[in-house]
Amino acid sequence: MSRKPPLWAPWRMEYVGEDRDRECIFCLPESSDSDPGRRVLYRGARAFVLLNRFPYAPGHLMVAPFRHTGKLHELAPGDREESMDLIAQSSRILEEAYRCEGLNVGANLGEAAGAGFAEHLHFHLVPRWFGDINFMTTLAETRVMPQHLDQSYAELAPRFAALSGL
């Protein structure tokens, strides 16, 4: 019987070993100096876009309002409006950049729904392609990521820099 080589995803240990009593990744400092390290792609007046550090697919983005709340009904109308505008613009950018054949867009509201940061509402945008869920996910419970996060950031950052005022 032949021995198969492992699939390497060393950045996952950061997530597996992460302290669950961590600060909210969606509460950004006022300064944008740390944005590249946080992989923030765009800051609007009321909401922002960032890459998911532990993606399900290349280009997996998140859109979040600046307001720290886990409840949709607690957002001001302007927060909801800008978040939805950013979701729409992000979907266009992902379709252009990755030529994806579809997108999953959604939010996990509350810890019971699977939210990793239930206290701060955020939306996921996951590019999808026909056949992207193959035997690796089904049989090995493993995802194969063909693009490193740094490459995703470099690909998407100029596209988001071109957004102005929505």
C-alpha atoms as a PDB file:
ATOM      1  CA  MET A   1       0.000   0.000   0.000  1.00  0.00           C
ATOM      2  CA  SER A   2       1.419   3.378  -0.977  1.00  0.00           C
ATOM      3  CA  ARG A   3       1.702   6.152   1.548  1.00  0.00           C
ATOM      4  CA  LYS A   4       0.124   9.430   0.477  1.00  0.00           C
ATOM      5  CA  PRO A   5       1.779  12.753   1.349  1.00  0.00           C
ATOM      6  CA  PRO A   6      -0.062  15.064   3.784  1.00  0.00           C
ATOM      7  CA  LEU A   7      -1.795  18.267   2.787  1.00  0.00           C
ATOM      8  CA  TRP A   8      -0.195  21.183   4.552  1.00  0.00           C
ATOM      9  CA  ALA A   9      -2.233  24.044   6.024  1.00  0.00           C
ATOM     10  CA  PRO A  10       0.009  25.349   8.828  1.00  0.00           C
ATOM     11  CA  TRP A  11      -2.029  28.530   9.358  1.00  0.00           C
ATOM     12  CA  ARG A  12      -4.883  26.362  10.721  1.00  0.00           C
ATOM     13  CA  MET A  13      -2.967  25.689  13.982  1.00  0.00           C
ATOM     14  CA  GLU A  14      -3.356  29.365  14.816  1.00  0.00           C
ATOM     15  CA  TYR A  15      -7.131  28.840  14.774  1.00  0.00           C
ATOM     16  CA  VAL A  16      -7.108  25.430  16.488  1.00  0.00           C
ATOM     17  CA  GLY A  17      -4.876  26.648  19.318  1.00  0.00           C
ATOM     18  CA  GLU A  18      -6.538  30.059  19.617  1.00  0.00           C
ATOM     19  CA  ASP A  19      -7.781  31.273  22.991  1.00  0.00           C
ATOM     20  CA  ARG A  20     -11.577  31.421  22.801  1.00  0.00           C
ATOM     21  CA  ASP A  21     -11.634  34.441  25.163  1.00  0.00           C
ATOM     22  CA  ARG A  22     -10.161  36.656  22.476  1.00  0.00           C
ATOM     23  CA  GLU A  23     -10.856  40.233  21.528  1.00  0.00           C
ATOM     24  CA  CYS A  24     -13.397  40.899  18.814  1.00  0.00           C
ATOM     25  CA  ILE A  25     -11.726  40.822  15.384  1.00  0.00           C
ATOM     26  CA  PHE A  26     -14.497  43.057  14.038  1.00  0.00           C
ATOM     27  CA  CYS A  27     -13.830  45.937  16.437  1.00  0.00           C
ATOM     28  CA  LEU A  28     -11.212  47.782  14.419  1.00  0.00           C
ATOM     29  CA  PRO A  29      -9.008  50.543  15.788  1.00  0.00           C
ATOM     30  CA  GLU A  30      -9.701  54.017  14.396  1.00  0.00           C
ATOM     31  CA  SER A  31      -6.331  54.036  12.658  1.00  0.00           C
ATOM     32  CA  SER A  32      -6.049  51.996   9.481  1.00  0.00           C
ATOM     33  CA  ASP A  33      -2.346  51.295  10.103  1.00  0.00           C
ATOM     34  CA  SER A  34      -3.026  47.651  11.023  1.00  0.00           C
ATOM     35  CA  ASP A  35      -5.449  47.026   8.139  1.00  0.00           C
ATOM     36  CA  PRO A  36      -3.043  45.032   5.917  1.00  0.00           C
ATOM     37  CA  GLY A  37      -2.132  42.708   8.818  1.00  0.00           C
ATOM     38  CA  ARG A  38      -5.801  42.297   9.688  1.00  0.00           C
ATOM     39  CA  ARG A  39      -6.481  41.843   5.952  1.00  0.00           C
ATOM     40  CA  VAL A  40      -9.013  44.664   5.912  1.00  0.00           C
ATOM     41  CA  LEU A  41      -9.765  45.410   2.268  1.00  0.00           C
ATOM     42  CA  TYR A  42     -12.080  48.394   2.601  1.00  0.00           C
ATOM     43  CA  ARG A  43     -13.350  50.807   5.255  1.00  0.00           C
ATOM     44  CA  GLY A  44     -16.557  52.674   4.623  1.00  0.00           C
ATOM     45  CA  ALA A  45     -18.230  55.194   6.920  1.00  0.00           C
ATOM     46  CA  ARG A  46     -20.296  52.549   8.772  1.00  0.00           C
ATOM     47  CA  ALA A  47     -19.050  49.128   7.630  1.00  0.00           C
ATOM     48  CA  PHE A  48     -15.953  47.397   6.274  1.00  0.00           C
ATOM     49  CA  VAL A  49     -14.733  44.366   4.313  1.00  0.00           C
ATOM     50  CA  LEU A  50     -12.011  41.924   5.314  1.00  0.00           C
ATOM     51  CA  LEU A  51     -10.720  38.520   4.278  1.00  0.00           C
ATOM     52  CA  ASN A  52     -11.619  35.560   6.446  1.00  0.00           C
ATOM     53  CA  ARG A  53      -8.386  34.322   8.040  1.00  0.00           C
ATOM     54  CA  PHE A  54      -9.652  30.726   7.950  1.00  0.00           C
ATOM     55  CA  PRO A  55     -11.470  30.600   4.591  1.00  0.00           C
ATOM     56  CA  TYR A  56     -13.739  27.962   3.126  1.00  0.00           C
ATOM     57  CA  ALA A  57     -12.633  28.983  -0.376  1.00  0.00           C
ATOM     58  CA  PRO A  58     -10.184  31.454  -1.946  1.00  0.00           C
ATOM     59  CA  GLY A  59     -11.582  34.978  -1.676  1.00  0.00           C
ATOM     60  CA  HIS A  60     -13.822  34.209   1.330  1.00  0.00           C
ATOM     61  CA  LEU A  61     -14.741  37.706   2.565  1.00  0.00           C
ATOM     62  CA  MET A  62     -16.651  39.118   5.470  1.00  0.00           C
ATOM     63  CA  VAL A  63     -18.605  42.376   5.660  1.00  0.00           C
ATOM     64  CA  ALA A  64     -19.264  43.860   9.091  1.00  0.00           C
ATOM     65  CA  PRO A  65     -20.692  47.073  10.464  1.00  0.00           C
ATOM     66  CA  PHE A  66     -18.441  49.048  12.793  1.00  0.00           C
ATOM     67  CA  ARG A  67     -21.160  48.910  15.459  1.00  0.00           C
ATOM     68  CA  HIS A  68     -20.511  46.066  17.913  1.00  0.00           C
ATOM     69  CA  THR A  69     -23.784  44.138  18.063  1.00  0.00           C
ATOM     70  CA  GLY A  70     -24.867  40.630  17.244  1.00  0.00           C
ATOM     71  CA  LYS A  71     -28.453  41.638  16.440  1.00  0.00           C
ATOM     72  CA  LEU A  72     -29.673  42.781  13.038  1.00  0.00           C
ATOM     73  CA  HIS A  73     -32.506  44.770  14.579  1.00  0.00           C
ATOM     74  CA  GLU A  74     -30.027  46.775  16.691  1.00  0.00           C
ATOM     75  CA  LEU A  75     -28.292  48.219  13.626  1.00  0.00           C
ATOM     76  CA  ALA A  76     -29.182  51.720  12.526  1.00  0.00           C
ATOM     77  CA  PRO A  77     -30.702  51.938   9.021  1.00  0.00           C
ATOM     78  CA  GLY A  78     -27.459  53.476   7.700  1.00  0.00           C
ATOM     79  CA  ASP A  79     -25.424  50.555   9.061  1.00  0.00           C
ATOM     80  CA  ARG A  80     -27.728  48.055   7.348  1.00  0.00           C
ATOM     81  CA  GLU A  81     -27.708  50.042   4.109  1.00  0.00           C
ATOM     82  CA  GLU A  82     -23.930  50.362   3.876  1.00  0.00           C
ATOM     83  CA  SER A  83     -23.417  46.712   4.854  1.00  0.00           C
ATOM     84  CA  MET A  84     -25.759  45.582   2.073  1.00  0.00           C
ATOM     85  CA  ASP A  85     -24.072  47.937  -0.413  1.00  0.00           C
ATOM     86  CA  LEU A  86     -20.693  46.444   0.528  1.00  0.00           C
ATOM     87  CA  ILE A  87     -22.079  42.925   0.138  1.00  0.00           C
ATOM     88  CA  ALA A  88     -23.273  43.851  -3.365  1.00  0.00           C
ATOM     89  CA  GLN A  89     -19.954  45.490  -4.327  1.00  0.00           C
ATOM     90  CA  SER A  90     -17.976  42.615  -2.821  1.00  0.00           C
ATOM     91  CA  SER A  91     -19.978  40.078  -4.805  1.00  0.00           C
ATOM     92  CA  ARG A  92     -19.206  41.976  -8.023  1.00  0.00           C
ATOM     93  CA  ILE A  93     -15.498  42.148  -7.160  1.00  0.00           C
ATOM     94  CA  LEU A  94     -15.344  38.434  -6.316  1.00  0.00           C
ATOM     95  CA  GLU A  95     -17.100  37.496  -9.560  1.00  0.00           C
ATOM     96  CA  GLU A  96     -14.624  39.599 -11.556  1.00  0.00           C
ATOM     97  CA  ALA A  97     -11.488  38.577  -9.658  1.00  0.00           C
ATOM     98  CA  TYR A  98     -12.184  34.858  -9.246  1.00  0.00           C
ATOM     99  CA  ARG A  99     -14.615  34.192 -12.086  1.00  0.00           C
ATOM    100  CA  CYS A 100     -16.682  32.209  -9.598  1.00  0.00           C
ATOM    101  CA  GLU A 101     -19.846  30.531 -10.802  1.00  0.00           C
ATOM    102  CA  GLY A 102     -21.813  31.358  -7.676  1.00  0.00           C
ATOM    103  CA  LEU A 103     -21.569  32.810  -4.178  1.00  0.00           C
ATOM    104  CA  ASN A 104     -22.786  31.786  -0.751  1.00  0.00           C
ATOM    105  CA  VAL A 105     -23.778  34.907   1.189  1.00  0.00           C
ATOM    106  CA  GLY A 106     -25.023  34.716   4.735  1.00  0.00           C
ATOM    107  CA  ALA A 107     -24.719  35.430   8.420  1.00  0.00           C
ATOM    108  CA  ASN A 108     -24.640  33.130  11.429  1.00  0.00           C
ATOM    109  CA  LEU A 109     -26.702  34.989  14.017  1.00  0.00           C
ATOM    110  CA  GLY A 110     -25.819  33.727  17.490  1.00  0.00           C
ATOM    111  CA  GLU A 111     -23.460  31.084  18.797  1.00  0.00           C
ATOM    112  CA  ALA A 112     -26.077  28.336  18.348  1.00  0.00           C
ATOM    113  CA  ALA A 113     -26.173  29.215  14.631  1.00  0.00           C
ATOM    114  CA  GLY A 114     -22.409  28.750  14.321  1.00  0.00           C
ATOM    115  CA  ALA A 115     -21.170  32.321  14.751  1.00  0.00           C
ATOM    116  CA  GLY A 116     -17.522  32.364  15.821  1.00  0.00           C
ATOM    117  CA  PHE A 117     -17.960  35.967  16.991  1.00  0.00           C
ATOM    118  CA  ALA A 118     -21.636  36.012  17.959  1.00  0.00           C
ATOM    119  CA  GLU A 119     -21.390  39.425  19.630  1.00  0.00           C
ATOM    120  CA  HIS A 120     -20.473  41.240  16.395  1.00  0.00           C
ATOM    121  CA  LEU A 121     -22.710  40.743  13.388  1.00  0.00           C
ATOM    122  CA  HIS A 122     -20.912  39.946  10.145  1.00  0.00           C
ATOM    123  CA  PHE A 123     -21.769  38.507   6.744  1.00  0.00           C
ATOM    124  CA  HIS A 124     -19.780  35.890   4.833  1.00  0.00           C
ATOM    125  CA  LEU A 125     -19.289  35.867   1.065  1.00  0.00           C
ATOM    126  CA  VAL A 126     -17.850  32.579  -0.189  1.00  0.00           C
ATOM    127  CA  PRO A 127     -17.027  32.183  -3.906  1.00  0.00           C
ATOM    128  CA  ARG A 128     -18.207  28.860  -5.356  1.00  0.00           C
ATOM    129  CA  TRP A 129     -17.475  26.853  -8.519  1.00  0.00           C
ATOM    130  CA  PHE A 130     -19.050  23.733  -9.954  1.00  0.00           C
ATOM    131  CA  GLY A 131     -17.161  20.758  -8.534  1.00  0.00           C
ATOM    132  CA  ASP A 132     -15.419  22.744  -5.775  1.00  0.00           C
ATOM    133  CA  ILE A 133     -16.696  20.321  -3.135  1.00  0.00           C
ATOM    134  CA  ASN A 134     -14.885  17.188  -4.091  1.00  0.00           C
ATOM    135  CA  PHE A 135     -13.920  13.939  -2.410  1.00  0.00           C
ATOM    136  CA  MET A 136     -11.460  15.727  -0.074  1.00  0.00           C
ATOM    137  CA  THR A 137     -14.249  17.468   1.826  1.00  0.00           C
ATOM    138  CA  THR A 138     -16.544  14.452   1.751  1.00  0.00           C
ATOM    139  CA  LEU A 139     -14.078  11.696   2.649  1.00  0.00           C
ATOM    140  CA  ALA A 140     -11.236  13.416   4.447  1.00  0.00           C
ATOM    141  CA  GLU A 141     -13.047  16.392   6.005  1.00  0.00           C
ATOM    142  CA  THR A 142     -10.310  18.510   4.433  1.00  0.00           C
ATOM    143  CA  ARG A 143     -10.423  21.567   2.196  1.00  0.00           C
ATOM    144  CA  VAL A 144      -7.763  22.215  -0.393  1.00  0.00           C
ATOM    145  CA  MET A 145      -6.920  25.912  -0.639  1.00  0.00           C
ATOM    146  CA  PRO A 146      -5.221  26.735  -3.929  1.00  0.00           C
ATOM    147  CA  GLN A 147      -4.377  30.300  -2.906  1.00  0.00           C
ATOM    148  CA  HIS A 148      -2.592  31.653   0.176  1.00  0.00           C
ATOM    149  CA  LEU A 149      -4.292  34.466   2.122  1.00  0.00           C
ATOM    150  CA  ASP A 150      -1.521  36.889   1.227  1.00  0.00           C
ATOM    151  CA  GLN A 151      -2.138  36.216  -2.467  1.00  0.00           C
ATOM    152  CA  SER A 152      -5.876  36.717  -1.991  1.00  0.00           C
ATOM    153  CA  TYR A 153      -5.216  40.029  -0.258  1.00  0.00           C
ATOM    154  CA  ALA A 154      -2.853  41.181  -3.002  1.00  0.00           C
ATOM    155  CA  GLU A 155      -5.418  40.202  -5.652  1.00  0.00           C
ATOM    156  CA  LEU A 156      -8.377  41.930  -3.997  1.00  0.00           C
ATOM    157  CA  ALA A 157      -6.882  45.014  -2.283  1.00  0.00           C
ATOM    158  CA  PRO A 158      -6.500  47.098  -5.502  1.00  0.00           C
ATOM    159  CA  ARG A 159     -10.065  46.280  -6.533  1.00  0.00           C
ATOM    160  CA  PHE A 160     -11.434  47.469  -3.196  1.00  0.00           C
ATOM    161  CA  ALA A 161      -9.180  50.546  -3.267  1.00  0.00           C
ATOM    162  CA  ALA A 162     -11.052  51.548  -6.416  1.00  0.00           C
ATOM    163  CA  LEU A 163     -14.343  51.733  -4.484  1.00  0.00           C
ATOM    164  CA  SER A 164     -15.199  55.255  -3.472  1.00  0.00           C
ATOM    165  CA  GLY A 165     -18.145  56.294  -1.405  1.00  0.00           C
ATOM    166  CA  LEU A 166     -20.363  53.582  -2.851  1.00  0.00           C
END
